[in-house]
Amino acid sequence: MKVLCMRLGNWGGALLMLLLAGSVGAARAETLTLLVMETPGLFVSHPKTRVVEGRGVPVFTRLGALAGVDVRFEPSVTARAMRDAEQHPNTCIVGLARTPEREAHFKWAGLLARSRLVLMARATDQRRWADLQALRGLQDLRIGAIRQSVVAGRLHAAGLPVEEVASDAISLRMLMAERIDLWATSDLTLRYELARPDAPRLREALELGVLESFLACHPQLDEALLARLNAALAQLVREGQFSTVKP
């Protein structure tokens, strides 16, 4: 009888441990993967470890905490990020422009940022143009932009040839090496790039309009999670974390 009680006691302890493990697992927050593009000052990934650092990491980590999810940062580029976010559950792109062509492919949260699209030239290049149409008549003009970006689309729509690359960092290197004449980017990127001590000397050649960026998430993202993300973003806007967006 004593042995039987001990055995039951052992089974009871094991059962209790299983129940506790189950409750801990149930309480563990789900994980949201955030795909981030290299943006000077905001998101920079280590070339070997792919660990993402920068001022944006604590902001979006707190976003996850407010929304009740753990966040995992993954470096990407625009074209690949759009494919991955559309195919992989619980995945969002940080800072994607919302356009009619993209609308049905994602669920959207935000606004995250509002910025100007600009064409940047080397400071030594003093050529000036009134609008995009003025660029069309120039032979051999080379413009760099991120592949499948909104600004690349606008330039193509204006009939201009574009050298599309994976990141702004590549376009900037090409501009300074005189492999392109103009770099199509946003003033949000420039704000961090030009604040560096070793920043290159650039000049704004032409403004192309305004860009608004959002969280673009998997099309089947849970509506309750989407609502929590929007509420968390609204909280961060009120705190001034997204300085280009008014609460």
C-alpha atoms as a PDB file:
ATOM      1  CA  MET A   1       0.000   0.000   0.000  1.00  0.00           C
ATOM      2  CA  LYS A   2       2.844   2.326   0.897  1.00  0.00           C
ATOM      3  CA  VAL A   3       4.604   1.543  -2.386  1.00  0.00           C
ATOM      4  CA  LEU A   4       1.384   2.133  -4.330  1.00  0.00           C
ATOM      5  CA  CYS A   5       0.940   5.561  -2.707  1.00  0.00           C
ATOM      6  CA  MET A   6       4.512   6.454  -3.546  1.00  0.00           C
ATOM      7  CA  ARG A   7       3.969   5.411  -7.148  1.00  0.00           C
ATOM      8  CA  LEU A   8       0.801   7.449  -7.350  1.00  0.00           C
ATOM      9  CA  GLY A   9       2.684  10.318  -5.772  1.00  0.00           C
ATOM     10  CA  ASN A  10       5.366  10.081  -8.446  1.00  0.00           C
ATOM     11  CA  TRP A  11       2.766   9.977 -11.200  1.00  0.00           C
ATOM     12  CA  GLY A  12       0.984  12.927  -9.634  1.00  0.00           C
ATOM     13  CA  GLY A  13       4.216  14.932  -9.559  1.00  0.00           C
ATOM     14  CA  ALA A  14       4.926  14.106 -13.169  1.00  0.00           C
ATOM     15  CA  LEU A  15       1.392  15.078 -14.138  1.00  0.00           C
ATOM     16  CA  LEU A  16       1.744  18.364 -12.281  1.00  0.00           C
ATOM     17  CA  MET A  17       4.996  19.121 -14.089  1.00  0.00           C
ATOM     18  CA  LEU A  18       3.352  18.425 -17.462  1.00  0.00           C
ATOM     19  CA  LEU A  19       0.459  20.711 -16.611  1.00  0.00           C
ATOM     20  CA  LEU A  20       2.829  23.465 -15.527  1.00  0.00           C
ATOM     21  CA  ALA A  21       4.880  23.082 -18.695  1.00  0.00           C
ATOM     22  CA  GLY A  22       1.717  23.303 -20.747  1.00  0.00           C
ATOM     23  CA  SER A  23       0.594  26.456 -18.977  1.00  0.00           C
ATOM     24  CA  VAL A  24       3.994  28.086 -19.511  1.00  0.00           C
ATOM     25  CA  GLY A  25       3.872  27.185 -23.201  1.00  0.00           C
ATOM     26  CA  ALA A  26       0.373  28.584 -23.511  1.00  0.00           C
ATOM     27  CA  ALA A  27       1.450  31.830 -21.843  1.00  0.00           C
ATOM     28  CA  ARG A  28       4.480  32.254 -24.095  1.00  0.00           C
ATOM     29  CA  ALA A  29       3.912  35.077 -26.604  1.00  0.00           C
ATOM     30  CA  GLU A  30       3.750  34.262 -30.305  1.00  0.00           C
ATOM     31  CA  THR A  31       6.601  35.453 -32.488  1.00  0.00           C
ATOM     32  CA  LEU A  32       6.285  38.071 -35.214  1.00  0.00           C
ATOM     33  CA  THR A  33       9.062  38.222 -37.802  1.00  0.00           C
ATOM     34  CA  LEU A  34       9.930  41.760 -38.882  1.00  0.00           C
ATOM     35  CA  LEU A  35      11.717  42.052 -42.216  1.00  0.00           C
ATOM     36  CA  VAL A  36      13.878  45.178 -42.248  1.00  0.00           C
ATOM     37  CA  MET A  37      15.769  46.844 -45.054  1.00  0.00           C
ATOM     38  CA  GLU A  38      19.217  48.299 -44.474  1.00  0.00           C
ATOM     39  CA  THR A  39      18.631  51.920 -43.435  1.00  0.00           C
ATOM     40  CA  PRO A  40      21.592  53.913 -42.094  1.00  0.00           C
ATOM     41  CA  GLY A  41      21.110  54.673 -38.411  1.00  0.00           C
ATOM     42  CA  LEU A  42      17.861  52.702 -38.136  1.00  0.00           C
ATOM     43  CA  PHE A  43      18.603  49.121 -39.201  1.00  0.00           C
ATOM     44  CA  VAL A  44      22.060  47.741 -39.905  1.00  0.00           C
ATOM     45  CA  SER A  45      22.816  44.015 -40.045  1.00  0.00           C
ATOM     46  CA  HIS A  46      26.130  42.337 -39.281  1.00  0.00           C
ATOM     47  CA  PRO A  47      27.429  40.817 -42.546  1.00  0.00           C
ATOM     48  CA  LYS A  48      28.343  37.476 -40.936  1.00  0.00           C
ATOM     49  CA  THR A  49      25.849  36.966 -38.110  1.00  0.00           C
ATOM     50  CA  ARG A  50      22.937  38.875 -39.755  1.00  0.00           C
ATOM     51  CA  VAL A  51      22.135  40.297 -36.307  1.00  0.00           C
ATOM     52  CA  VAL A  52      20.186  43.538 -36.775  1.00  0.00           C
ATOM     53  CA  GLU A  53      21.201  46.632 -34.809  1.00  0.00           C
ATOM     54  CA  GLY A  54      20.345  50.325 -34.897  1.00  0.00           C
ATOM     55  CA  ARG A  55      17.940  52.848 -33.417  1.00  0.00           C
ATOM     56  CA  GLY A  56      14.923  51.079 -34.879  1.00  0.00           C
ATOM     57  CA  VAL A  57      15.493  47.836 -32.948  1.00  0.00           C
ATOM     58  CA  PRO A  58      14.407  49.017 -29.455  1.00  0.00           C
ATOM     59  CA  VAL A  59      11.470  50.935 -30.940  1.00  0.00           C
ATOM     60  CA  PHE A  60      10.040  47.900 -32.733  1.00  0.00           C
ATOM     61  CA  THR A  61      10.916  45.588 -29.851  1.00  0.00           C
ATOM     62  CA  ARG A  62       8.702  47.788 -27.690  1.00  0.00           C
ATOM     63  CA  LEU A  63       6.045  47.728 -30.416  1.00  0.00           C
ATOM     64  CA  GLY A  64       5.992  43.953 -30.049  1.00  0.00           C
ATOM     65  CA  ALA A  65       5.765  44.160 -26.267  1.00  0.00           C
ATOM     66  CA  LEU A  66       2.808  46.564 -26.494  1.00  0.00           C
ATOM     67  CA  ALA A  67       1.119  44.243 -29.020  1.00  0.00           C
ATOM     68  CA  GLY A  68       1.807  41.117 -26.910  1.00  0.00           C
ATOM     69  CA  VAL A  69       4.235  39.413 -29.300  1.00  0.00           C
ATOM     70  CA  ASP A  70       7.940  38.631 -29.375  1.00  0.00           C
ATOM     71  CA  VAL A  71       9.643  40.150 -32.407  1.00  0.00           C
ATOM     72  CA  ARG A  72      12.435  38.624 -34.453  1.00  0.00           C
ATOM     73  CA  PHE A  73      14.333  40.902 -36.832  1.00  0.00           C
ATOM     74  CA  GLU A  74      15.474  39.560 -40.178  1.00  0.00           C
ATOM     75  CA  PRO A  75      17.500  41.631 -42.680  1.00  0.00           C
ATOM     76  CA  SER A  76      16.139  41.671 -46.205  1.00  0.00           C
ATOM     77  CA  VAL A  77      15.794  43.712 -49.389  1.00  0.00           C
ATOM     78  CA  THR A  78      12.558  45.102 -50.812  1.00  0.00           C
ATOM     79  CA  ALA A  79      11.884  42.552 -53.561  1.00  0.00           C
ATOM     80  CA  ARG A  80      12.626  39.522 -51.367  1.00  0.00           C
ATOM     81  CA  ALA A  81      10.805  40.995 -48.360  1.00  0.00           C
ATOM     82  CA  MET A  82       7.580  41.414 -50.367  1.00  0.00           C
ATOM     83  CA  ARG A  83       7.740  37.792 -51.492  1.00  0.00           C
ATOM     84  CA  ASP A  84       8.522  36.459 -48.004  1.00  0.00           C
ATOM     85  CA  ALA A  85       5.887  38.521 -46.171  1.00  0.00           C
ATOM     86  CA  GLU A  86       3.217  37.364 -48.593  1.00  0.00           C
ATOM     87  CA  GLN A  87       4.182  33.691 -48.222  1.00  0.00           C
ATOM     88  CA  HIS A  88       5.151  33.303 -44.538  1.00  0.00           C
ATOM     89  CA  PRO A  89       2.603  33.629 -41.695  1.00  0.00           C
ATOM     90  CA  ASN A  90       3.218  36.119 -38.871  1.00  0.00           C
ATOM     91  CA  THR A  91       5.656  38.101 -40.993  1.00  0.00           C
ATOM     92  CA  CYS A  92       5.643  41.856 -41.625  1.00  0.00           C
ATOM     93  CA  ILE A  93       7.806  44.271 -43.603  1.00  0.00           C
ATOM     94  CA  VAL A  94       8.886  47.395 -41.756  1.00  0.00           C
ATOM     95  CA  GLY A  95       8.479  50.543 -43.845  1.00  0.00           C
ATOM     96  CA  LEU A  96       6.839  49.432 -47.103  1.00  0.00           C
ATOM     97  CA  ALA A  97       5.047  52.022 -49.222  1.00  0.00           C
ATOM     98  CA  ARG A  98       1.331  51.331 -49.663  1.00  0.00           C
ATOM     99  CA  THR A  99       0.318  51.450 -53.320  1.00  0.00           C
ATOM    100  CA  PRO A 100      -2.775  50.234 -55.248  1.00  0.00           C
ATOM    101  CA  GLU A 101      -0.703  47.440 -56.799  1.00  0.00           C
ATOM    102  CA  ARG A 102       0.396  46.157 -53.387  1.00  0.00           C
ATOM    103  CA  GLU A 103      -2.846  46.745 -51.450  1.00  0.00           C
ATOM    104  CA  ALA A 104      -4.433  43.290 -51.774  1.00  0.00           C
ATOM    105  CA  HIS A 105      -1.188  41.391 -51.174  1.00  0.00           C
ATOM    106  CA  PHE A 106      -0.789  42.422 -47.521  1.00  0.00           C
ATOM    107  CA  LYS A 107      -2.564  43.518 -44.368  1.00  0.00           C
ATOM    108  CA  TRP A 108      -1.449  46.996 -43.376  1.00  0.00           C
ATOM    109  CA  ALA A 109      -0.682  48.650 -40.044  1.00  0.00           C
ATOM    110  CA  GLY A 110       0.481  52.181 -39.494  1.00  0.00           C
ATOM    111  CA  LEU A 111       1.360  54.869 -40.751  1.00  0.00           C
ATOM    112  CA  LEU A 112       5.035  54.506 -39.764  1.00  0.00           C
ATOM    113  CA  ALA A 113       6.681  57.396 -41.595  1.00  0.00           C
ATOM    114  CA  ARG A 114       6.134  60.179 -44.089  1.00  0.00           C
ATOM    115  CA  SER A 115       9.087  61.339 -46.169  1.00  0.00           C
ATOM    116  CA  ARG A 116      10.016  63.176 -49.362  1.00  0.00           C
ATOM    117  CA  LEU A 117      11.351  61.306 -52.377  1.00  0.00           C
ATOM    118  CA  VAL A 118      14.353  63.050 -53.870  1.00  0.00           C
ATOM    119  CA  LEU A 119      17.013  62.699 -56.523  1.00  0.00           C
ATOM    120  CA  MET A 120      20.456  63.331 -55.061  1.00  0.00           C
ATOM    121  CA  ALA A 121      23.551  64.319 -57.003  1.00  0.00           C
ATOM    122  CA  ARG A 122      27.184  64.705 -56.073  1.00  0.00           C
ATOM    123  CA  ALA A 123      27.887  68.193 -54.718  1.00  0.00           C
ATOM    124  CA  THR A 124      30.254  68.813 -57.629  1.00  0.00           C
ATOM    125  CA  ASP A 125      27.486  68.155 -60.178  1.00  0.00           C
ATOM    126  CA  GLN A 126      25.680  71.478 -60.558  1.00  0.00           C
ATOM    127  CA  ARG A 127      23.148  70.418 -63.187  1.00  0.00           C
ATOM    128  CA  ARG A 128      19.558  71.350 -62.300  1.00  0.00           C
ATOM    129  CA  TRP A 129      16.212  70.189 -63.674  1.00  0.00           C
ATOM    130  CA  ALA A 130      12.709  71.600 -63.218  1.00  0.00           C
ATOM    131  CA  ASP A 131      10.917  68.227 -63.310  1.00  0.00           C
ATOM    132  CA  LEU A 132      11.195  64.624 -64.452  1.00  0.00           C
ATOM    133  CA  GLN A 133      10.252  65.536 -68.006  1.00  0.00           C
ATOM    134  CA  ALA A 134      13.383  67.671 -68.207  1.00  0.00           C
ATOM    135  CA  LEU A 135      15.455  64.557 -67.554  1.00  0.00           C
ATOM    136  CA  ARG A 136      13.963  62.579 -70.418  1.00  0.00           C
ATOM    137  CA  GLY A 137      15.891  64.393 -73.120  1.00  0.00           C
ATOM    138  CA  LEU A 138      19.286  63.689 -71.581  1.00  0.00           C
ATOM    139  CA  GLN A 139      21.289  60.929 -73.179  1.00  0.00           C
ATOM    140  CA  ASP A 140      23.173  58.450 -70.993  1.00  0.00           C
ATOM    141  CA  LEU A 141      21.732  59.794 -67.728  1.00  0.00           C
ATOM    142  CA  ARG A 142      22.108  57.085 -65.065  1.00  0.00           C
ATOM    143  CA  ILE A 143      19.777  56.914 -62.058  1.00  0.00           C
ATOM    144  CA  GLY A 144      20.044  54.406 -59.210  1.00  0.00           C
ATOM    145  CA  ALA A 145      17.106  53.206 -57.081  1.00  0.00           C
ATOM    146  CA  ILE A 146      16.075  50.260 -54.918  1.00  0.00           C
ATOM    147  CA  ARG A 147      14.689  47.339 -56.926  1.00  0.00           C
ATOM    148  CA  GLN A 148      10.848  47.273 -57.108  1.00  0.00           C
ATOM    149  CA  SER A 149      10.617  50.447 -54.996  1.00  0.00           C
ATOM    150  CA  VAL A 150       7.954  53.121 -55.449  1.00  0.00           C
ATOM    151  CA  VAL A 151      10.505  55.662 -56.616  1.00  0.00           C
ATOM    152  CA  ALA A 152      11.861  53.229 -59.223  1.00  0.00           C
ATOM    153  CA  GLY A 153       8.306  52.750 -60.480  1.00  0.00           C
ATOM    154  CA  ARG A 154       7.758  56.490 -60.773  1.00  0.00           C
ATOM    155  CA  LEU A 155      10.955  56.903 -62.739  1.00  0.00           C
ATOM    156  CA  HIS A 156      10.038  54.055 -65.098  1.00  0.00           C
ATOM    157  CA  ALA A 157       6.565  55.585 -65.560  1.00  0.00           C
ATOM    158  CA  ALA A 158       8.229  58.838 -66.594  1.00  0.00           C
ATOM    159  CA  GLY A 159      10.155  56.948 -69.279  1.00  0.00           C
ATOM    160  CA  LEU A 160      13.502  57.139 -67.518  1.00  0.00           C
ATOM    161  CA  PRO A 161      16.025  54.284 -67.375  1.00  0.00           C
ATOM    162  CA  VAL A 162      16.788  53.099 -63.838  1.00  0.00           C
ATOM    163  CA  GLU A 163      19.608  50.952 -62.508  1.00  0.00           C
ATOM    164  CA  GLU A 164      17.760  48.972 -59.834  1.00  0.00           C
ATOM    165  CA  VAL A 165      19.850  47.581 -56.979  1.00  0.00           C
ATOM    166  CA  ALA A 166      19.204  45.817 -53.675  1.00  0.00           C
ATOM    167  CA  SER A 167      19.759  48.725 -51.276  1.00  0.00           C
ATOM    168  CA  ASP A 168      20.290  52.458 -50.832  1.00  0.00           C
ATOM    169  CA  ALA A 169      23.807  51.747 -49.615  1.00  0.00           C
ATOM    170  CA  ILE A 170      24.701  50.257 -53.009  1.00  0.00           C
ATOM    171  CA  SER A 171      23.203  53.224 -54.877  1.00  0.00           C
ATOM    172  CA  LEU A 172      25.167  55.669 -52.732  1.00  0.00           C
ATOM    173  CA  ARG A 173      28.435  53.828 -53.395  1.00  0.00           C
ATOM    174  CA  MET A 174      27.664  53.843 -57.119  1.00  0.00           C
ATOM    175  CA  LEU A 175      26.926  57.582 -57.017  1.00  0.00           C
ATOM    176  CA  MET A 176      30.206  58.426 -55.291  1.00  0.00           C
ATOM    177  CA  ALA A 177      32.102  56.142 -57.703  1.00  0.00           C
ATOM    178  CA  GLU A 178      30.427  58.053 -60.597  1.00  0.00           C
ATOM    179  CA  ARG A 179      28.786  54.897 -61.888  1.00  0.00           C
ATOM    180  CA  ILE A 180      25.420  56.703 -61.721  1.00  0.00           C
ATOM    181  CA  ASP A 181      24.544  60.395 -61.952  1.00  0.00           C
ATOM    182  CA  LEU A 182      21.573  60.533 -59.573  1.00  0.00           C
ATOM    183  CA  TRP A 183      20.458  58.556 -56.521  1.00  0.00           C
ATOM    184  CA  ALA A 184      16.703  58.202 -55.982  1.00  0.00           C
ATOM    185  CA  THR A 185      15.983  57.915 -52.255  1.00  0.00           C
ATOM    186  CA  SER A 186      14.012  59.436 -49.368  1.00  0.00           C
ATOM    187  CA  ASP A 187      14.950  62.279 -47.047  1.00  0.00           C
ATOM    188  CA  LEU A 188      14.389  59.864 -44.135  1.00  0.00           C
ATOM    189  CA  THR A 189      17.322  57.766 -45.353  1.00  0.00           C
ATOM    190  CA  LEU A 190      19.368  60.903 -46.007  1.00  0.00           C
ATOM    191  CA  ARG A 191      18.763  62.216 -42.506  1.00  0.00           C
ATOM    192  CA  TYR A 192      20.822  59.377 -41.040  1.00  0.00           C
ATOM    193  CA  GLU A 193      23.258  58.924 -43.905  1.00  0.00           C
ATOM    194  CA  LEU A 194      24.342  62.583 -43.982  1.00  0.00           C
ATOM    195  CA  ALA A 195      24.646  62.807 -40.181  1.00  0.00           C
ATOM    196  CA  ARG A 196      27.680  60.507 -40.219  1.00  0.00           C
ATOM    197  CA  PRO A 197      31.085  62.177 -39.653  1.00  0.00           C
ATOM    198  CA  ASP A 198      32.362  60.729 -42.939  1.00  0.00           C
ATOM    199  CA  ALA A 199      29.182  61.532 -44.900  1.00  0.00           C
ATOM    200  CA  PRO A 200      29.701  62.307 -48.592  1.00  0.00           C
ATOM    201  CA  ARG A 201      28.898  65.766 -49.945  1.00  0.00           C
ATOM    202  CA  LEU A 202      25.610  65.560 -51.832  1.00  0.00           C
ATOM    203  CA  ARG A 203      23.138  67.991 -53.345  1.00  0.00           C
ATOM    204  CA  GLU A 204      19.374  67.647 -53.808  1.00  0.00           C
ATOM    205  CA  ALA A 205      18.750  67.816 -57.553  1.00  0.00           C
ATOM    206  CA  LEU A 206      14.981  67.275 -57.701  1.00  0.00           C
ATOM    207  CA  GLU A 207      12.038  66.448 -55.441  1.00  0.00           C
ATOM    208  CA  LEU A 208       9.762  63.647 -56.658  1.00  0.00           C
ATOM    209  CA  GLY A 209       6.880  63.761 -54.172  1.00  0.00           C
ATOM    210  CA  VAL A 210       5.885  62.311 -50.804  1.00  0.00           C
ATOM    211  CA  LEU A 211       6.165  58.693 -49.643  1.00  0.00           C
ATOM    212  CA  GLU A 212       4.169  57.111 -46.811  1.00  0.00           C
ATOM    213  CA  SER A 213       5.361  53.817 -45.350  1.00  0.00           C
ATOM    214  CA  PHE A 214       3.575  51.181 -43.253  1.00  0.00           C
ATOM    215  CA  LEU A 215       3.906  47.745 -41.710  1.00  0.00           C
ATOM    216  CA  ALA A 216       2.975  45.354 -44.518  1.00  0.00           C
ATOM    217  CA  CYS A 217       1.989  41.955 -43.077  1.00  0.00           C
ATOM    218  CA  HIS A 218       1.060  38.487 -44.308  1.00  0.00           C
ATOM    219  CA  PRO A 219      -2.406  38.613 -45.925  1.00  0.00           C
ATOM    220  CA  GLN A 220      -3.827  36.099 -43.410  1.00  0.00           C
ATOM    221  CA  LEU A 221      -2.461  37.834 -40.302  1.00  0.00           C
ATOM    222  CA  ASP A 222      -4.873  37.468 -37.384  1.00  0.00           C
ATOM    223  CA  GLU A 223      -7.215  40.469 -37.222  1.00  0.00           C
ATOM    224  CA  ALA A 224      -6.870  40.678 -33.429  1.00  0.00           C
ATOM    225  CA  LEU A 225      -3.078  40.887 -33.751  1.00  0.00           C
ATOM    226  CA  LEU A 226      -3.417  43.510 -36.498  1.00  0.00           C
ATOM    227  CA  ALA A 227      -5.626  45.590 -34.197  1.00  0.00           C
ATOM    228  CA  ARG A 228      -3.056  45.279 -31.382  1.00  0.00           C
ATOM    229  CA  LEU A 229      -0.257  46.343 -33.739  1.00  0.00           C
ATOM    230  CA  ASN A 230      -2.228  49.413 -34.795  1.00  0.00           C
ATOM    231  CA  ALA A 231      -2.964  50.298 -31.172  1.00  0.00           C
ATOM    232  CA  ALA A 232       0.723  49.876 -30.283  1.00  0.00           C
ATOM    233  CA  LEU A 233       1.788  52.050 -33.219  1.00  0.00           C
ATOM    234  CA  ALA A 234      -0.674  54.760 -32.154  1.00  0.00           C
ATOM    235  CA  GLN A 235       0.877  54.676 -28.671  1.00  0.00           C
ATOM    236  CA  LEU A 236       4.406  55.046 -30.072  1.00  0.00           C
ATOM    237  CA  VAL A 237       3.285  57.941 -32.296  1.00  0.00           C
ATOM    238  CA  ARG A 238       1.865  59.719 -29.235  1.00  0.00           C
ATOM    239  CA  GLU A 239       5.238  59.215 -27.538  1.00  0.00           C
ATOM    240  CA  GLY A 240       7.008  60.818 -30.497  1.00  0.00           C
ATOM    241  CA  GLN A 241       8.835  57.667 -31.610  1.00  0.00           C
ATOM    242  CA  PHE A 242       7.767  58.248 -35.223  1.00  0.00           C
ATOM    243  CA  SER A 243       8.649  61.904 -35.638  1.00  0.00           C
ATOM    244  CA  THR A 244       7.355  62.281 -39.198  1.00  0.00           C
ATOM    245  CA  VAL A 245       3.822  61.211 -38.230  1.00  0.00           C
ATOM    246  CA  LYS A 246       1.478  63.494 -36.311  1.00  0.00           C
ATOM    247  CA  PRO A 247      -0.668  61.856 -33.565  1.00  0.00           C
END
